[in-house]
Amino acid sequence: MPLHTDIDDLALGEMSFAGRHYMYLAERAGGRFVAAARYERHPRYLECTHLVSEGYGPTMFVLLMQKARREGLLGVAPDLRYNSDEAKRMDARFYSDAPAGVHHRANEEAAHAERYLNQIYFVQGDLIGEAIARANLRHGRLDFSAEAGTQAVAALVERLDAYLFKSELPYK
């Protein structure tokens, strides 16, 4: 389970649109996604509902944990409804062989047969430096901050959904 703690050569972004929340890592030059997550915000934690990556899955999961900590939430829970076999393998590794600095606590709202899916995963400090990757976003092709027009943001959401749901295409 590789955890990339140096993401300075990538661009890290976040966005929310029409009630959907995203975090993504992309190549700086071409803007090709290498990881993306879609999550739901609960009162006490973030629920990771979709995560797709090209070798950056654990990294994206930890970045979500860092976000939850910054926002005063308990951490990140696996999807409360459905988890693919690949997602289950990653969650099981975080439960039984977590990277240093990653912890978990029981999630009373989860009711999976697998104990590792009934957890909220969290960090008590940053494991991955984000500042340079966030700055890279501002200088790259995927900067859709609040100043961007609605059409530009909607186009990025369409790209993110296509990436996240490519195994389910055509996505509507």
Protein backbone atom coordinates (compact mmCIF):
# COMPACT_ATOMS: atom_id res chain seq x y z
CA MET A 1 0.00 0.00 0.00
CA PRO A 2 2.12 2.90 -1.18
CA LEU A 3 1.53 6.16 0.62
CA HIS A 4 3.07 8.99 -1.37
CA THR A 5 3.98 11.68 1.14
CA ASP A 6 5.65 13.91 -1.46
CA ILE A 7 3.06 15.25 -3.89
CA ASP A 8 4.97 18.42 -4.80
CA ASP A 9 5.08 17.44 -8.48
CA LEU A 10 1.27 17.22 -8.65
CA ALA A 11 -1.63 19.65 -8.35
CA LEU A 12 -4.11 19.22 -5.48
CA GLY A 13 -7.59 20.68 -5.75
CA GLU A 14 -10.99 20.61 -4.10
CA MET A 15 -14.39 21.75 -5.20
CA SER A 16 -18.06 21.54 -4.39
CA PHE A 17 -20.81 21.84 -6.96
CA ALA A 18 -24.54 21.14 -6.69
CA GLY A 19 -24.14 19.40 -3.34
CA ARG A 20 -21.29 17.17 -4.53
CA HIS A 21 -17.82 17.45 -2.97
CA TYR A 22 -14.55 16.47 -4.65
CA MET A 23 -10.83 16.32 -3.98
CA TYR A 24 -8.39 15.51 -6.76
CA LEU A 25 -4.73 15.11 -7.66
CA ALA A 26 -3.63 15.84 -11.21
CA GLU A 27 -0.49 16.14 -13.27
CA ARG A 28 0.60 19.74 -13.40
CA ALA A 29 1.30 19.95 -17.11
CA GLY A 30 -1.57 18.17 -18.77
CA GLY A 31 -4.15 18.19 -16.01
CA ARG A 32 -4.60 14.40 -16.22
CA PHE A 33 -6.11 13.06 -12.99
CA VAL A 34 -4.04 10.54 -11.03
CA ALA A 35 -6.55 10.34 -8.16
CA ALA A 36 -9.95 11.73 -7.28
CA ALA A 37 -12.45 11.28 -4.49
CA ARG A 38 -16.06 12.23 -4.10
CA TYR A 39 -17.32 12.51 -0.55
CA GLU A 40 -20.34 13.44 1.51
CA ARG A 41 -20.17 15.69 4.52
CA HIS A 42 -21.84 14.36 7.66
CA PRO A 43 -22.13 16.38 10.87
CA ARG A 44 -19.24 14.48 12.49
CA TYR A 45 -17.14 13.10 9.60
CA LEU A 46 -16.60 12.84 5.84
CA GLU A 47 -17.88 9.75 4.02
CA CYS A 48 -15.70 8.72 1.07
CA THR A 49 -18.28 7.51 -1.45
CA HIS A 50 -15.97 7.14 -4.49
CA LEU A 51 -12.21 7.00 -4.82
CA VAL A 52 -10.33 6.20 -8.01
CA SER A 53 -6.59 6.43 -8.41
CA GLU A 54 -3.58 5.37 -10.37
CA GLY A 55 -1.38 4.38 -7.45
CA TYR A 56 -2.46 7.24 -5.17
CA GLY A 57 -5.44 5.69 -3.36
CA PRO A 58 -3.95 5.67 0.16
CA THR A 59 -2.56 9.15 -0.45
CA MET A 60 -5.99 10.50 -1.40
CA PHE A 61 -7.57 8.81 1.63
CA VAL A 62 -5.01 10.45 3.96
CA LEU A 63 -5.53 13.83 2.24
CA LEU A 64 -9.25 13.49 3.03
CA MET A 65 -8.36 12.68 6.66
CA GLN A 66 -6.24 15.83 6.81
CA LYS A 67 -9.14 17.87 5.41
CA ALA A 68 -11.51 16.41 8.02
CA ARG A 69 -9.06 17.29 10.81
CA ARG A 70 -8.67 20.88 9.56
CA GLU A 71 -12.46 21.24 9.52
CA GLY A 72 -12.86 19.95 13.07
CA LEU A 73 -14.41 16.62 12.04
CA LEU A 74 -13.61 13.18 13.45
CA GLY A 75 -12.14 11.80 10.22
CA VAL A 76 -13.17 9.85 7.12
CA ALA A 77 -15.46 6.83 6.94
CA PRO A 78 -15.67 4.35 4.08
CA ASP A 79 -18.88 4.42 2.05
CA LEU A 80 -21.78 3.50 4.32
CA ARG A 81 -23.64 1.64 1.54
CA TYR A 82 -21.31 -0.02 -0.97
CA ASN A 83 -17.60 -0.79 -1.19
CA SER A 84 -15.85 -2.41 -4.15
CA ASP A 85 -13.39 -5.24 -3.55
CA GLU A 86 -10.52 -2.85 -4.24
CA ALA A 87 -11.88 -0.31 -1.73
CA LYS A 88 -12.32 -3.09 0.84
CA ARG A 89 -8.69 -4.16 0.41
CA MET A 90 -7.47 -0.61 1.00
CA ASP A 91 -9.74 -0.09 4.01
CA ALA A 92 -8.66 -3.44 5.48
CA ARG A 93 -5.01 -2.39 5.18
CA PHE A 94 -5.73 0.94 6.90
CA TYR A 95 -7.41 -1.02 9.69
CA SER A 96 -4.79 -3.73 10.24
CA ASP A 97 -1.57 -2.19 8.90
CA ALA A 98 -2.10 1.56 8.86
CA PRO A 99 0.68 3.96 7.93
CA ALA A 100 2.30 5.62 10.93
CA GLY A 101 0.07 8.43 12.17
CA VAL A 102 -3.24 6.96 10.92
CA HIS A 103 -5.75 5.88 13.57
CA HIS A 104 -9.33 4.64 13.62
CA ARG A 105 -12.36 4.62 15.90
CA ALA A 106 -15.68 2.82 15.64
CA ASN A 107 -18.39 4.43 13.55
CA GLU A 108 -21.74 3.70 15.22
CA GLU A 109 -23.58 4.73 12.02
CA ALA A 110 -21.97 1.97 9.94
CA ALA A 111 -23.38 -1.56 9.78
CA HIS A 112 -21.13 -3.58 7.45
CA ALA A 113 -20.25 -7.22 8.05
CA GLU A 114 -16.56 -6.27 7.83
CA ARG A 115 -15.29 -4.52 10.95
CA TYR A 116 -12.76 -2.40 9.04
CA LEU A 117 -15.61 -0.74 7.10
CA ASN A 118 -17.29 0.31 10.36
CA GLN A 119 -14.54 2.74 11.28
CA ILE A 120 -13.73 6.43 11.03
CA TYR A 121 -10.09 6.87 10.02
CA PHE A 122 -8.21 9.93 11.18
CA VAL A 123 -4.85 11.65 11.59
CA GLN A 124 -3.75 13.92 14.42
CA GLY A 125 -1.38 15.93 12.24
CA ASP A 126 -0.46 16.31 8.60
CA LEU A 127 1.33 13.31 7.08
CA ILE A 128 1.46 14.82 3.58
CA GLY A 129 2.55 18.37 2.82
CA GLU A 130 -0.10 20.05 0.66
CA ALA A 131 1.09 23.64 0.21
CA ILE A 132 3.17 23.17 -2.95
CA ALA A 133 0.60 20.89 -4.63
CA ARG A 134 -2.12 23.44 -3.89
CA ALA A 135 0.06 26.22 -5.31
CA ASN A 136 0.67 24.07 -8.39
CA LEU A 137 -3.08 24.02 -8.94
CA ARG A 138 -3.21 27.80 -9.11
CA HIS A 139 -0.58 27.76 -11.85
CA GLY A 140 -1.97 24.80 -13.78
CA ARG A 141 -4.92 23.99 -15.99
CA LEU A 142 -7.38 22.88 -13.30
CA ASP A 143 -7.77 26.02 -11.20
CA PHE A 144 -11.50 26.50 -10.79
CA SER A 145 -11.70 28.61 -7.69
CA ALA A 146 -14.64 30.76 -6.71
CA GLU A 147 -13.77 33.28 -9.43
CA ALA A 148 -14.28 30.74 -12.20
CA GLY A 149 -17.52 30.83 -14.13
CA THR A 150 -20.25 28.27 -13.59
CA GLN A 151 -19.61 26.70 -17.00
CA ALA A 152 -15.92 26.14 -16.22
CA VAL A 153 -16.76 24.56 -12.87
CA ALA A 154 -19.44 22.37 -14.44
CA ALA A 155 -16.92 21.22 -17.06
CA LEU A 156 -14.47 20.19 -14.33
CA VAL A 157 -17.23 18.32 -12.47
CA GLU A 158 -18.07 16.48 -15.68
CA ARG A 159 -14.41 15.48 -16.08
CA LEU A 160 -14.18 14.39 -12.44
CA ASP A 161 -17.36 12.31 -12.68
CA ALA A 162 -16.14 10.72 -15.92
CA TYR A 163 -12.87 9.79 -14.16
CA LEU A 164 -14.57 8.53 -10.99
CA PHE A 165 -17.25 6.56 -12.80
CA LYS A 166 -15.32 5.38 -15.87
CA SER A 167 -16.07 1.77 -15.01
CA GLU A 168 -19.77 2.63 -15.06
CA LEU A 169 -19.87 4.56 -18.33
CA PRO A 170 -22.02 5.85 -19.79
CA TYR A 171 -22.46 8.00 -16.67
CA LYS A 172 -25.52 10.22 -16.42
